[in-house]
Amino acid sequence: MIRRWLPYPLLSLLLAVIWLVLNQSVAPGTLLVGALLGIGLGRVYHLLEPPKAHIRNFLLLGRLLLRVIGDIARSNFAVARLILHRERRVRSGFVAIPLTLTERHGLAMLAGIITSTPGTIWVSHDPDLSILVIHVLDLVDPQVEIDAIKQRYERPLLEIFQ
């Protein structure tokens, strides 16, 4: 019975908490709307029948998370330095990266990693050719970017999901 109303209890709780944080209130009406949104959107997500992720290496996932946090912090400082100091001309550009990763959860994580890192953004992915196109704010050497994405993110994601 409870699984019928709360097929994804953590998702429902997270959505309700996000609602409360966005509204900056714990008034009874806000709590009620948050609970209804959490339950309702959790049930809608269940109707979509999302495929389950099969994580094969939780330890590597934790190490990847720490790496990503460090890379995001480092990239924040690098972008701030570019903007504030204007030491040299910034050359932005697009980079096409051939991917081995095809698992949808791994690709979703890669998209989140790339887009969360300041100075880069996921532009497109061609699943037939398995080519990822990203935009880099300060593109010095495209091959360096390709190697970094493949070694730092794609390789661990392959081990985690495939």
Protein backbone atom coordinates (compact mmCIF):
# COMPACT_ATOMS: atom_id res chain seq x y z
CA MET A 1 0.00 0.00 0.00
CA ILE A 2 2.73 2.49 0.94
CA ARG A 3 4.76 1.66 -2.22
CA ARG A 4 1.69 2.57 -4.27
CA TRP A 5 1.58 6.08 -2.80
CA LEU A 6 5.35 6.49 -2.40
CA PRO A 7 7.11 4.46 -5.10
CA TYR A 8 10.22 6.66 -4.67
CA PRO A 9 10.14 7.86 -1.05
CA LEU A 10 13.56 9.55 -1.14
CA LEU A 11 12.65 11.43 -4.33
CA SER A 12 9.35 12.52 -2.79
CA LEU A 13 11.10 13.69 0.38
CA LEU A 14 13.75 15.55 -1.60
CA LEU A 15 11.14 17.31 -3.74
CA ALA A 16 9.18 18.34 -0.63
CA VAL A 17 12.33 19.67 1.05
CA ILE A 18 13.32 21.59 -2.09
CA TRP A 19 9.84 23.14 -2.12
CA LEU A 20 10.23 24.23 1.50
CA VAL A 21 13.69 25.68 0.87
CA LEU A 22 12.53 27.57 -2.21
CA ASN A 23 9.61 29.03 -0.26
CA GLN A 24 11.74 29.67 2.85
CA SER A 25 8.82 28.68 5.02
CA VAL A 26 7.53 25.82 7.13
CA ALA A 27 4.01 27.21 7.42
CA PRO A 28 1.28 24.54 7.42
CA GLY A 29 0.12 25.46 3.91
CA THR A 30 3.65 25.32 2.54
CA LEU A 31 4.22 21.94 4.23
CA LEU A 32 0.98 20.60 2.76
CA VAL A 33 1.78 21.78 -0.77
CA GLY A 34 5.33 20.41 -0.45
CA ALA A 35 4.04 17.02 0.67
CA LEU A 36 1.47 16.92 -2.14
CA LEU A 37 4.09 17.90 -4.71
CA GLY A 38 6.54 15.31 -3.40
CA ILE A 39 3.98 12.51 -3.45
CA GLY A 40 2.43 13.57 -6.76
CA LEU A 41 5.68 14.05 -8.66
CA GLY A 42 7.09 10.82 -7.20
CA ARG A 43 4.06 8.96 -8.57
CA VAL A 44 4.35 10.68 -11.96
CA TYR A 45 8.03 9.67 -12.11
CA HIS A 46 6.97 6.08 -11.34
CA LEU A 47 4.55 6.16 -14.29
CA LEU A 48 7.47 6.97 -16.60
CA GLU A 49 8.99 3.59 -15.65
CA PRO A 50 12.60 4.78 -15.57
CA PRO A 51 15.24 2.09 -16.10
CA LYS A 52 17.22 1.15 -13.01
CA ALA A 53 20.88 2.09 -12.78
CA HIS A 54 23.25 -0.76 -12.04
CA ILE A 55 26.23 0.69 -10.21
CA ARG A 56 29.11 -1.78 -10.24
CA ASN A 57 31.71 0.11 -8.20
CA PHE A 58 30.54 2.35 -5.34
CA LEU A 59 34.07 3.09 -4.13
CA LEU A 60 35.06 4.43 -7.55
CA LEU A 61 31.83 6.47 -7.62
CA GLY A 62 32.87 8.11 -4.34
CA ARG A 63 36.35 8.88 -5.70
CA LEU A 64 34.82 10.31 -8.87
CA LEU A 65 32.56 12.54 -6.77
CA LEU A 66 35.57 13.90 -4.88
CA ARG A 67 37.45 14.47 -8.15
CA VAL A 68 34.49 16.35 -9.63
CA ILE A 69 34.15 18.56 -6.54
CA GLY A 70 37.85 19.41 -6.76
CA ASP A 71 37.64 20.08 -10.50
CA ILE A 72 34.63 22.35 -10.04
CA ALA A 73 36.43 24.36 -7.35
CA ARG A 74 39.62 24.61 -9.44
CA SER A 75 37.63 25.61 -12.52
CA ASN A 76 35.78 28.31 -10.57
CA PHE A 77 39.10 29.94 -9.71
CA ALA A 78 40.39 29.60 -13.27
CA VAL A 79 37.29 31.23 -14.78
CA ALA A 80 37.34 33.98 -12.15
CA ARG A 81 41.00 34.65 -12.95
CA LEU A 82 40.20 34.87 -16.68
CA ILE A 83 37.36 37.30 -16.09
CA LEU A 84 39.03 39.50 -13.49
CA HIS A 85 42.57 39.75 -14.81
CA ARG A 86 42.21 39.66 -18.57
CA GLU A 87 45.88 38.62 -18.83
CA ARG A 88 45.43 37.30 -22.32
CA ARG A 89 42.83 36.92 -25.00
CA VAL A 90 40.39 34.09 -24.27
CA ARG A 91 39.80 31.71 -27.18
CA SER A 92 36.63 29.73 -26.70
CA GLY A 93 35.69 26.90 -29.00
CA PHE A 94 33.93 23.62 -29.58
CA VAL A 95 35.50 20.20 -29.10
CA ALA A 96 34.18 16.91 -30.53
CA ILE A 97 34.96 14.01 -28.22
CA PRO A 98 34.58 10.39 -29.37
CA LEU A 99 32.97 8.45 -26.52
CA THR A 100 33.09 4.79 -25.58
CA LEU A 101 30.43 5.30 -22.90
CA THR A 102 26.92 4.38 -24.09
CA GLU A 103 25.10 3.60 -20.83
CA ARG A 104 22.37 6.21 -20.30
CA HIS A 105 23.00 6.76 -16.58
CA GLY A 106 26.71 7.21 -17.24
CA LEU A 107 25.99 9.68 -20.02
CA ALA A 108 23.61 11.58 -17.74
CA MET A 109 26.31 11.80 -15.07
CA LEU A 110 28.87 12.92 -17.65
CA ALA A 111 26.47 15.63 -18.82
CA GLY A 112 26.02 16.81 -15.24
CA ILE A 113 29.75 16.81 -14.58
CA ILE A 114 30.63 18.76 -17.72
CA THR A 115 27.83 21.29 -17.34
CA SER A 116 28.53 21.79 -13.61
CA THR A 117 32.17 22.59 -14.28
CA PRO A 118 32.57 26.32 -14.98
CA GLY A 119 34.07 27.02 -18.38
CA THR A 120 32.55 23.98 -20.11
CA ILE A 121 29.09 23.03 -21.29
CA TRP A 122 27.60 19.96 -22.96
CA VAL A 123 26.36 21.07 -26.39
CA SER A 124 25.22 17.88 -28.12
CA HIS A 125 25.61 14.13 -28.25
CA ASP A 126 25.18 11.99 -31.34
CA PRO A 127 24.31 8.49 -30.10
CA ASP A 128 24.75 6.93 -33.56
CA LEU A 129 28.32 8.17 -33.94
CA SER A 130 28.94 8.33 -30.17
CA ILE A 131 30.35 11.85 -30.46
CA LEU A 132 30.00 14.41 -27.70
CA VAL A 133 30.38 18.10 -28.51
CA ILE A 134 31.28 20.49 -25.70
CA HIS A 135 32.01 24.19 -25.60
CA VAL A 136 35.11 25.29 -23.71
CA LEU A 137 35.49 28.89 -22.52
CA ASP A 138 39.30 28.91 -22.69
CA LEU A 139 40.30 26.39 -25.36
CA VAL A 140 44.08 26.20 -25.61
CA ASP A 141 44.49 22.67 -27.00
CA PRO A 142 41.48 20.56 -28.04
CA GLN A 143 43.39 17.31 -27.56
CA VAL A 144 44.11 18.20 -23.93
CA GLU A 145 40.36 18.67 -23.35
CA ILE A 146 39.55 15.38 -25.08
CA ASP A 147 42.12 13.49 -23.03
CA ALA A 148 40.95 15.12 -19.79
CA ILE A 149 37.29 14.23 -20.33
CA LYS A 150 38.10 10.66 -21.38
CA GLN A 151 40.60 9.96 -18.60
CA ARG A 152 39.13 11.90 -15.69
CA TYR A 153 35.43 11.19 -16.26
CA GLU A 154 34.61 8.69 -19.01
CA ARG A 155 36.98 5.94 -17.87
CA PRO A 156 35.65 5.88 -14.27
CA LEU A 157 32.04 6.07 -15.51
CA LEU A 158 32.67 3.06 -17.74
CA GLU A 159 33.87 1.08 -14.72
CA ILE A 160 30.98 2.29 -12.56
CA PHE A 161 28.12 1.55 -14.96
CA GLN A 162 29.23 -0.99 -17.58
